[in-house]
Protein backbone atom coordinates (compact mmCIF):
# COMPACT_ATOMS: atom_id res chain seq x y z
CA UNK A 1 0.00 0.00 0.00
CA UNK A 2 2.98 2.38 0.37
CA UNK A 3 3.13 2.84 -3.42
CA UNK A 4 -0.53 3.93 -3.38
CA UNK A 5 0.13 6.37 -0.54
CA UNK A 6 2.98 8.00 -2.48
CA UNK A 7 1.11 7.98 -5.77
CA UNK A 8 -1.91 9.73 -4.22
CA UNK A 9 -0.09 11.73 -1.50
CA UNK A 10 -1.28 15.16 -2.63
CA UNK A 11 -4.90 14.01 -2.87
CA UNK A 12 -4.73 12.21 0.48
CA UNK A 13 -3.31 15.35 2.12
CA UNK A 14 -6.34 17.28 0.84
CA UNK A 15 -8.76 15.15 2.90
CA UNK A 16 -9.66 16.51 6.33
CA UNK A 17 -12.11 13.79 7.43
CA UNK A 18 -13.48 10.44 6.22
CA UNK A 19 -16.48 8.54 7.53
CA UNK A 20 -18.43 5.51 6.41
CA UNK A 21 -22.14 6.32 6.60
CA UNK A 22 -25.39 4.63 5.74
CA UNK A 23 -26.70 6.07 2.46
CA UNK A 24 -29.83 8.24 2.70
CA UNK A 25 -31.90 5.38 1.24
CA UNK A 26 -30.59 3.19 4.06
CA UNK A 27 -29.67 0.11 2.02
CA UNK A 28 -25.90 0.56 1.53
CA UNK A 29 -22.90 2.34 2.96
CA UNK A 30 -20.82 5.02 1.30
CA UNK A 31 -17.64 6.91 2.03
CA UNK A 32 -18.26 10.51 3.02
CA UNK A 33 -15.26 12.81 2.74
CA UNK A 34 -14.72 16.34 3.95
CA UNK A 35 -12.28 18.51 2.04
CA UNK A 36 -12.10 22.15 1.07
CA UNK A 37 -8.96 21.56 -0.99
CA UNK A 38 -9.38 21.33 -4.77
CA UNK A 39 -6.39 18.97 -5.04
CA UNK A 40 -8.71 16.14 -4.01
CA UNK A 41 -10.87 16.17 -7.16
CA UNK A 42 -8.95 18.34 -9.66
CA UNK A 43 -7.20 17.09 -12.75
CA UNK A 44 -7.91 16.41 -16.39
CA UNK A 45 -9.40 13.07 -17.37
CA UNK A 46 -8.38 11.04 -20.43
CA UNK A 47 -11.20 8.93 -21.86
CA UNK A 48 -11.30 5.53 -23.51
CA UNK A 49 -14.25 4.11 -25.44
CA UNK A 50 -15.56 0.62 -24.61
CA UNK A 51 -18.41 -1.31 -26.24
CA UNK A 52 -21.24 -1.82 -23.76
CA UNK A 53 -21.73 -5.47 -22.82
CA UNK A 54 -25.31 -4.84 -21.72
CA UNK A 55 -28.23 -5.63 -24.07
CA UNK A 56 -29.65 -2.66 -25.97
CA UNK A 57 -31.58 -2.03 -29.16
CA UNK A 58 -28.49 -0.18 -30.48
CA UNK A 59 -24.75 -0.25 -29.90
CA UNK A 60 -23.77 1.81 -26.87
CA UNK A 61 -20.37 2.70 -25.50
CA UNK A 62 -18.93 3.47 -22.10
CA UNK A 63 -16.69 6.50 -22.32
CA UNK A 64 -14.56 6.18 -19.18
CA UNK A 65 -12.23 8.98 -18.13
CA UNK A 66 -9.38 8.53 -15.66
CA UNK A 67 -7.08 11.11 -14.08
CA UNK A 68 -3.34 10.84 -14.74
CA UNK A 69 -2.72 9.31 -11.29
CA UNK A 70 -5.67 6.91 -11.62
CA UNK A 71 -7.59 8.32 -8.64
CA UNK A 72 -10.56 10.04 -10.27
CA UNK A 73 -12.88 8.22 -12.70
CA UNK A 74 -15.94 9.38 -14.64
CA UNK A 75 -18.16 7.57 -17.12
CA UNK A 76 -20.71 8.41 -19.79
CA UNK A 77 -22.95 6.12 -21.89
CA UNK A 78 -23.51 7.18 -25.50
CA UNK A 79 -23.90 5.64 -28.95
CA UNK A 80 -20.70 7.36 -30.11
CA UNK A 81 -22.34 9.27 -32.95
CA UNK A 82 -23.09 12.98 -33.23
CA UNK A 83 -26.71 12.20 -32.29
CA UNK A 84 -28.28 13.61 -29.14
CA UNK A 85 -28.84 10.64 -26.82
CA UNK A 86 -31.33 12.59 -24.65
CA UNK A 87 -29.37 12.71 -21.37
CA UNK A 88 -27.96 15.64 -19.37
CA UNK A 89 -30.55 18.02 -20.84
CA UNK A 90 -28.98 17.45 -24.26
CA UNK A 91 -25.76 19.17 -23.17
CA UNK A 92 -22.61 18.45 -25.14
CA UNK A 93 -19.37 17.27 -23.57
CA UNK A 94 -15.95 17.48 -25.18
CA UNK A 95 -13.86 14.52 -24.07
CA UNK A 96 -10.09 14.32 -24.36
CA UNK A 97 -9.39 10.79 -25.47
CA UNK A 98 -6.39 8.79 -24.25
CA UNK A 99 -4.74 9.16 -27.67
CA UNK A 100 -4.97 12.99 -27.40
CA UNK A 101 -7.86 13.39 -29.84
CA UNK A 102 -11.11 15.09 -28.86
CA UNK A 103 -14.64 13.71 -29.15
CA UNK A 104 -17.87 15.60 -28.56
CA UNK A 105 -20.85 13.62 -27.30
CA UNK A 106 -24.28 15.21 -26.91
CA UNK A 107 -26.85 14.10 -24.38
CA UNK A 108 -24.91 11.19 -22.84
CA UNK A 109 -26.12 9.33 -19.79
CA UNK A 110 -23.93 9.00 -16.73
CA UNK A 111 -25.05 5.44 -15.99
CA UNK A 112 -23.76 3.69 -12.89
CA UNK A 113 -20.15 2.88 -12.01
CA UNK A 114 -21.08 -0.83 -11.95
CA UNK A 115 -22.02 -0.67 -15.64
CA UNK A 116 -18.81 1.12 -16.64
CA UNK A 117 -16.75 -1.31 -14.52
CA UNK A 118 -18.11 -4.25 -16.53
CA UNK A 119 -17.60 -2.47 -19.86
CA UNK A 120 -14.12 -1.07 -19.17
CA UNK A 121 -12.60 -3.24 -16.43
CA UNK A 122 -11.88 -0.08 -14.40
CA UNK A 123 -13.21 -0.59 -10.87
CA UNK A 124 -14.58 2.55 -9.25
CA UNK A 125 -17.50 3.81 -7.24
CA UNK A 126 -19.02 7.13 -6.29
CA UNK A 127 -17.87 8.79 -3.10
CA UNK A 128 -19.57 11.75 -1.43
CA UNK A 129 -17.26 14.77 -1.13
CA UNK A 130 -19.12 17.59 0.58
CA UNK A 131 -22.39 17.86 -1.32
CA UNK A 132 -21.12 16.30 -4.55
CA UNK A 133 -20.47 12.78 -5.81
CA UNK A 134 -17.17 11.85 -7.45
CA UNK A 135 -15.92 8.61 -8.96
CA UNK A 136 -12.91 7.25 -7.07
CA UNK A 137 -10.92 4.25 -8.28
CA UNK A 138 -10.59 1.13 -6.18
CA UNK A 139 -6.88 1.81 -5.78
CA UNK A 140 -7.52 5.34 -4.46
CA UNK A 141 -10.23 4.11 -2.09
CA UNK A 142 -7.80 1.49 -0.77
CA UNK A 143 -5.25 4.27 -0.15
CA UNK A 144 -7.89 6.31 1.71
CA UNK A 145 -8.83 3.29 3.84
CA UNK A 146 -5.16 2.74 4.66
CA UNK A 147 -4.35 6.41 5.35
CA UNK A 148 -7.32 6.95 7.67
CA UNK A 149 -7.17 3.49 9.28
CA UNK A 150 -10.79 2.78 8.43
CA UNK A 151 -12.15 -0.49 9.80
CA UNK A 152 -14.03 -1.43 6.62
CA UNK A 153 -14.18 -4.05 3.90
CA UNK A 154 -13.97 -3.11 0.23
CA UNK A 155 -15.45 -5.83 -1.97
CA UNK A 156 -16.47 -6.32 -5.59
CA UNK A 157 -20.03 -7.57 -5.78
CA UNK A 158 -21.68 -8.88 -8.96
CA UNK A 159 -25.39 -8.03 -9.06
CA UNK A 160 -28.19 -10.00 -10.74
CA UNK A 161 -28.03 -7.74 -13.80
CA UNK A 162 -24.26 -8.48 -14.04
CA UNK A 163 -23.12 -5.03 -12.89
CA UNK A 164 -19.99 -5.13 -10.73
CA UNK A 165 -20.20 -2.77 -7.77
CA UNK A 166 -17.60 -1.83 -5.22
CA UNK A 167 -19.12 -2.05 -1.75
CA UNK A 168 -17.68 -0.46 1.37
CA UNK A 169 -18.99 -2.01 4.58
CA UNK A 170 -18.01 -1.68 8.22
CA UNK A 171 -16.23 -4.71 9.69
C-alpha atoms as a PDB file:
ATOM      1  CA  UNK A   1       0.000   0.000   0.000  1.00  0.00           C
ATOM      2  CA  UNK A   2       2.984   2.381   0.371  1.00  0.00           C
ATOM      3  CA  UNK A   3       3.129   2.838  -3.423  1.00  0.00           C
ATOM      4  CA  UNK A   4      -0.531   3.929  -3.383  1.00  0.00           C
ATOM      5  CA  UNK A   5       0.135   6.371  -0.542  1.00  0.00           C
ATOM      6  CA  UNK A   6       2.982   7.998  -2.477  1.00  0.00           C
ATOM      7  CA  UNK A   7       1.106   7.983  -5.773  1.00  0.00           C
ATOM      8  CA  UNK A   8      -1.905   9.732  -4.222  1.00  0.00           C
ATOM      9  CA  UNK A   9      -0.095  11.729  -1.503  1.00  0.00           C
ATOM     10  CA  UNK A  10      -1.283  15.163  -2.632  1.00  0.00           C
ATOM     11  CA  UNK A  11      -4.896  14.011  -2.873  1.00  0.00           C
ATOM     12  CA  UNK A  12      -4.730  12.213   0.485  1.00  0.00           C
ATOM     13  CA  UNK A  13      -3.306  15.349   2.119  1.00  0.00           C
ATOM     14  CA  UNK A  14      -6.341  17.282   0.838  1.00  0.00           C
ATOM     15  CA  UNK A  15      -8.764  15.148   2.901  1.00  0.00           C
ATOM     16  CA  UNK A  16      -9.663  16.509   6.332  1.00  0.00           C
ATOM     17  CA  UNK A  17     -12.110  13.791   7.432  1.00  0.00           C
ATOM     18  CA  UNK A  18     -13.479  10.441   6.222  1.00  0.00           C
ATOM     19  CA  UNK A  19     -16.479   8.535   7.525  1.00  0.00           C
ATOM     20  CA  UNK A  20     -18.433   5.509   6.411  1.00  0.00           C
ATOM     21  CA  UNK A  21     -22.137   6.319   6.596  1.00  0.00           C
ATOM     22  CA  UNK A  22     -25.391   4.634   5.737  1.00  0.00           C
ATOM     23  CA  UNK A  23     -26.698   6.066   2.465  1.00  0.00           C
ATOM     24  CA  UNK A  24     -29.828   8.236   2.703  1.00  0.00           C
ATOM     25  CA  UNK A  25     -31.900   5.378   1.238  1.00  0.00           C
ATOM     26  CA  UNK A  26     -30.591   3.193   4.057  1.00  0.00           C
ATOM     27  CA  UNK A  27     -29.675   0.114   2.023  1.00  0.00           C
ATOM     28  CA  UNK A  28     -25.905   0.561   1.528  1.00  0.00           C
ATOM     29  CA  UNK A  29     -22.898   2.342   2.956  1.00  0.00           C
ATOM     30  CA  UNK A  30     -20.821   5.022   1.304  1.00  0.00           C
ATOM     31  CA  UNK A  31     -17.640   6.908   2.025  1.00  0.00           C
ATOM     32  CA  UNK A  32     -18.259  10.505   3.025  1.00  0.00           C
ATOM     33  CA  UNK A  33     -15.264  12.811   2.739  1.00  0.00           C
ATOM     34  CA  UNK A  34     -14.718  16.340   3.953  1.00  0.00           C
ATOM     35  CA  UNK A  35     -12.282  18.511   2.040  1.00  0.00           C
ATOM     36  CA  UNK A  36     -12.103  22.153   1.070  1.00  0.00           C
ATOM     37  CA  UNK A  37      -8.963  21.561  -0.988  1.00  0.00           C
ATOM     38  CA  UNK A  38      -9.376  21.333  -4.765  1.00  0.00           C
ATOM     39  CA  UNK A  39      -6.393  18.970  -5.045  1.00  0.00           C
ATOM     40  CA  UNK A  40      -8.713  16.143  -4.014  1.00  0.00           C
ATOM     41  CA  UNK A  41     -10.870  16.170  -7.156  1.00  0.00           C
ATOM     42  CA  UNK A  42      -8.954  18.338  -9.665  1.00  0.00           C
ATOM     43  CA  UNK A  43      -7.198  17.091 -12.751  1.00  0.00           C
ATOM     44  CA  UNK A  44      -7.910  16.414 -16.389  1.00  0.00           C
ATOM     45  CA  UNK A  45      -9.397  13.068 -17.375  1.00  0.00           C
ATOM     46  CA  UNK A  46      -8.378  11.045 -20.428  1.00  0.00           C
ATOM     47  CA  UNK A  47     -11.199   8.927 -21.857  1.00  0.00           C
ATOM     48  CA  UNK A  48     -11.297   5.527 -23.514  1.00  0.00           C
ATOM     49  CA  UNK A  49     -14.253   4.110 -25.436  1.00  0.00           C
ATOM     50  CA  UNK A  50     -15.563   0.625 -24.608  1.00  0.00           C
ATOM     51  CA  UNK A  51     -18.414  -1.307 -26.240  1.00  0.00           C
ATOM     52  CA  UNK A  52     -21.240  -1.825 -23.765  1.00  0.00           C
ATOM     53  CA  UNK A  53     -21.726  -5.467 -22.817  1.00  0.00           C
ATOM     54  CA  UNK A  54     -25.315  -4.837 -21.716  1.00  0.00           C
ATOM     55  CA  UNK A  55     -28.234  -5.630 -24.068  1.00  0.00           C
ATOM     56  CA  UNK A  56     -29.650  -2.661 -25.969  1.00  0.00           C
ATOM     57  CA  UNK A  57     -31.582  -2.031 -29.157  1.00  0.00           C
ATOM     58  CA  UNK A  58     -28.495  -0.184 -30.478  1.00  0.00           C
ATOM     59  CA  UNK A  59     -24.746  -0.252 -29.898  1.00  0.00           C
ATOM     60  CA  UNK A  60     -23.766   1.810 -26.866  1.00  0.00           C
ATOM     61  CA  UNK A  61     -20.366   2.703 -25.498  1.00  0.00           C
ATOM     62  CA  UNK A  62     -18.934   3.471 -22.103  1.00  0.00           C
ATOM     63  CA  UNK A  63     -16.685   6.498 -22.323  1.00  0.00           C
ATOM     64  CA  UNK A  64     -14.564   6.184 -19.181  1.00  0.00           C
ATOM     65  CA  UNK A  65     -12.226   8.983 -18.127  1.00  0.00           C
ATOM     66  CA  UNK A  66      -9.384   8.528 -15.657  1.00  0.00           C
ATOM     67  CA  UNK A  67      -7.083  11.106 -14.083  1.00  0.00           C
ATOM     68  CA  UNK A  68      -3.340  10.840 -14.736  1.00  0.00           C
ATOM     69  CA  UNK A  69      -2.721   9.309 -11.291  1.00  0.00           C
ATOM     70  CA  UNK A  70      -5.674   6.915 -11.624  1.00  0.00           C
ATOM     71  CA  UNK A  71      -7.589   8.319  -8.637  1.00  0.00           C
ATOM     72  CA  UNK A  72     -10.562  10.043 -10.268  1.00  0.00           C
ATOM     73  CA  UNK A  73     -12.882   8.224 -12.705  1.00  0.00           C
ATOM     74  CA  UNK A  74     -15.943   9.383 -14.641  1.00  0.00           C
ATOM     75  CA  UNK A  75     -18.158   7.573 -17.116  1.00  0.00           C
ATOM     76  CA  UNK A  76     -20.710   8.408 -19.794  1.00  0.00           C
ATOM     77  CA  UNK A  77     -22.948   6.118 -21.888  1.00  0.00           C
ATOM     78  CA  UNK A  78     -23.507   7.177 -25.496  1.00  0.00           C
ATOM     79  CA  UNK A  79     -23.900   5.643 -28.946  1.00  0.00           C
ATOM     80  CA  UNK A  80     -20.697   7.356 -30.108  1.00  0.00           C
ATOM     81  CA  UNK A  81     -22.341   9.268 -32.954  1.00  0.00           C
ATOM     82  CA  UNK A  82     -23.090  12.979 -33.232  1.00  0.00           C
ATOM     83  CA  UNK A  83     -26.713  12.202 -32.293  1.00  0.00           C
ATOM     84  CA  UNK A  84     -28.279  13.612 -29.141  1.00  0.00           C
ATOM     85  CA  UNK A  85     -28.843  10.639 -26.818  1.00  0.00           C
ATOM     86  CA  UNK A  86     -31.329  12.586 -24.647  1.00  0.00           C
ATOM     87  CA  UNK A  87     -29.368  12.715 -21.374  1.00  0.00           C
ATOM     88  CA  UNK A  88     -27.962  15.642 -19.366  1.00  0.00           C
ATOM     89  CA  UNK A  89     -30.548  18.021 -20.838  1.00  0.00           C
ATOM     90  CA  UNK A  90     -28.984  17.448 -24.264  1.00  0.00           C
ATOM     91  CA  UNK A  91     -25.765  19.166 -23.171  1.00  0.00           C
ATOM     92  CA  UNK A  92     -22.611  18.445 -25.144  1.00  0.00           C
ATOM     93  CA  UNK A  93     -19.370  17.267 -23.573  1.00  0.00           C
ATOM     94  CA  UNK A  94     -15.948  17.479 -25.180  1.00  0.00           C
ATOM     95  CA  UNK A  95     -13.861  14.523 -24.073  1.00  0.00           C
ATOM     96  CA  UNK A  96     -10.095  14.321 -24.364  1.00  0.00           C
ATOM     97  CA  UNK A  97      -9.390  10.791 -25.467  1.00  0.00           C
ATOM     98  CA  UNK A  98      -6.391   8.792 -24.253  1.00  0.00           C
ATOM     99  CA  UNK A  99      -4.736   9.164 -27.675  1.00  0.00           C
ATOM    100  CA  UNK A 100      -4.974  12.991 -27.399  1.00  0.00           C
ATOM    101  CA  UNK A 101      -7.864  13.388 -29.841  1.00  0.00           C
ATOM    102  CA  UNK A 102     -11.113  15.086 -28.856  1.00  0.00           C
ATOM    103  CA  UNK A 103     -14.637  13.708 -29.149  1.00  0.00           C
ATOM    104  CA  UNK A 104     -17.871  15.603 -28.558  1.00  0.00           C
ATOM    105  CA  UNK A 105     -20.849  13.620 -27.301  1.00  0.00           C
ATOM    106  CA  UNK A 106     -24.281  15.210 -26.914  1.00  0.00           C
ATOM    107  CA  UNK A 107     -26.847  14.103 -24.378  1.00  0.00           C
ATOM    108  CA  UNK A 108     -24.908  11.194 -22.845  1.00  0.00           C
ATOM    109  CA  UNK A 109     -26.124   9.329 -19.792  1.00  0.00           C
ATOM    110  CA  UNK A 110     -23.932   9.004 -16.732  1.00  0.00           C
ATOM    111  CA  UNK A 111     -25.050   5.445 -15.990  1.00  0.00           C
ATOM    112  CA  UNK A 112     -23.762   3.687 -12.893  1.00  0.00           C
ATOM    113  CA  UNK A 113     -20.154   2.883 -12.007  1.00  0.00           C
ATOM    114  CA  UNK A 114     -21.079  -0.830 -11.947  1.00  0.00           C
ATOM    115  CA  UNK A 115     -22.022  -0.675 -15.642  1.00  0.00           C
ATOM    116  CA  UNK A 116     -18.807   1.116 -16.636  1.00  0.00           C
ATOM    117  CA  UNK A 117     -16.745  -1.306 -14.521  1.00  0.00           C
ATOM    118  CA  UNK A 118     -18.113  -4.252 -16.534  1.00  0.00           C
ATOM    119  CA  UNK A 119     -17.601  -2.472 -19.855  1.00  0.00           C
ATOM    120  CA  UNK A 120     -14.116  -1.073 -19.167  1.00  0.00           C
ATOM    121  CA  UNK A 121     -12.605  -3.240 -16.432  1.00  0.00           C
ATOM    122  CA  UNK A 122     -11.885  -0.082 -14.397  1.00  0.00           C
ATOM    123  CA  UNK A 123     -13.209  -0.587 -10.874  1.00  0.00           C
ATOM    124  CA  UNK A 124     -14.579   2.552  -9.253  1.00  0.00           C
ATOM    125  CA  UNK A 125     -17.504   3.813  -7.239  1.00  0.00           C
ATOM    126  CA  UNK A 126     -19.016   7.127  -6.293  1.00  0.00           C
ATOM    127  CA  UNK A 127     -17.867   8.791  -3.097  1.00  0.00           C
ATOM    128  CA  UNK A 128     -19.569  11.748  -1.427  1.00  0.00           C
ATOM    129  CA  UNK A 129     -17.256  14.770  -1.134  1.00  0.00           C
ATOM    130  CA  UNK A 130     -19.119  17.587   0.583  1.00  0.00           C
ATOM    131  CA  UNK A 131     -22.392  17.865  -1.323  1.00  0.00           C
ATOM    132  CA  UNK A 132     -21.121  16.301  -4.552  1.00  0.00           C
ATOM    133  CA  UNK A 133     -20.474  12.779  -5.813  1.00  0.00           C
ATOM    134  CA  UNK A 134     -17.166  11.845  -7.446  1.00  0.00           C
ATOM    135  CA  UNK A 135     -15.920   8.607  -8.964  1.00  0.00           C
ATOM    136  CA  UNK A 136     -12.906   7.249  -7.067  1.00  0.00           C
ATOM    137  CA  UNK A 137     -10.923   4.249  -8.280  1.00  0.00           C
ATOM    138  CA  UNK A 138     -10.593   1.127  -6.182  1.00  0.00           C
ATOM    139  CA  UNK A 139      -6.876   1.812  -5.784  1.00  0.00           C
ATOM    140  CA  UNK A 140      -7.516   5.337  -4.464  1.00  0.00           C
ATOM    141  CA  UNK A 141     -10.230   4.115  -2.086  1.00  0.00           C
ATOM    142  CA  UNK A 142      -7.799   1.492  -0.771  1.00  0.00           C
ATOM    143  CA  UNK A 143      -5.251   4.267  -0.147  1.00  0.00           C
ATOM    144  CA  UNK A 144      -7.895   6.313   1.710  1.00  0.00           C
ATOM    145  CA  UNK A 145      -8.834   3.292   3.843  1.00  0.00           C
ATOM    146  CA  UNK A 146      -5.163   2.743   4.661  1.00  0.00           C
ATOM    147  CA  UNK A 147      -4.349   6.411   5.346  1.00  0.00           C
ATOM    148  CA  UNK A 148      -7.324   6.949   7.674  1.00  0.00           C
ATOM    149  CA  UNK A 149      -7.169   3.486   9.283  1.00  0.00           C
ATOM    150  CA  UNK A 150     -10.795   2.775   8.427  1.00  0.00           C
ATOM    151  CA  UNK A 151     -12.150  -0.494   9.805  1.00  0.00           C
ATOM    152  CA  UNK A 152     -14.027  -1.431   6.618  1.00  0.00           C
ATOM    153  CA  UNK A 153     -14.176  -4.052   3.898  1.00  0.00           C
ATOM    154  CA  UNK A 154     -13.966  -3.114   0.226  1.00  0.00           C
ATOM    155  CA  UNK A 155     -15.451  -5.835  -1.967  1.00  0.00           C
ATOM    156  CA  UNK A 156     -16.469  -6.321  -5.589  1.00  0.00           C
ATOM    157  CA  UNK A 157     -20.033  -7.574  -5.779  1.00  0.00           C
ATOM    158  CA  UNK A 158     -21.680  -8.881  -8.964  1.00  0.00           C
ATOM    159  CA  UNK A 159     -25.388  -8.033  -9.064  1.00  0.00           C
ATOM    160  CA  UNK A 160     -28.189 -10.004 -10.738  1.00  0.00           C
ATOM    161  CA  UNK A 161     -28.028  -7.743 -13.795  1.00  0.00           C
ATOM    162  CA  UNK A 162     -24.261  -8.477 -14.040  1.00  0.00           C
ATOM    163  CA  UNK A 163     -23.116  -5.029 -12.886  1.00  0.00           C
ATOM    164  CA  UNK A 164     -19.989  -5.132 -10.731  1.00  0.00           C
ATOM    165  CA  UNK A 165     -20.203  -2.774  -7.767  1.00  0.00           C
ATOM    166  CA  UNK A 166     -17.603  -1.826  -5.223  1.00  0.00           C
ATOM    167  CA  UNK A 167     -19.116  -2.048  -1.747  1.00  0.00           C
ATOM    168  CA  UNK A 168     -17.676  -0.460   1.374  1.00  0.00           C
ATOM    169  CA  UNK A 169     -18.995  -2.014   4.579  1.00  0.00           C
ATOM    170  CA  UNK A 170     -18.014  -1.680   8.220  1.00  0.00           C
ATOM    171  CA  UNK A 171     -16.234  -4.707   9.692  1.00  0.00           C
END
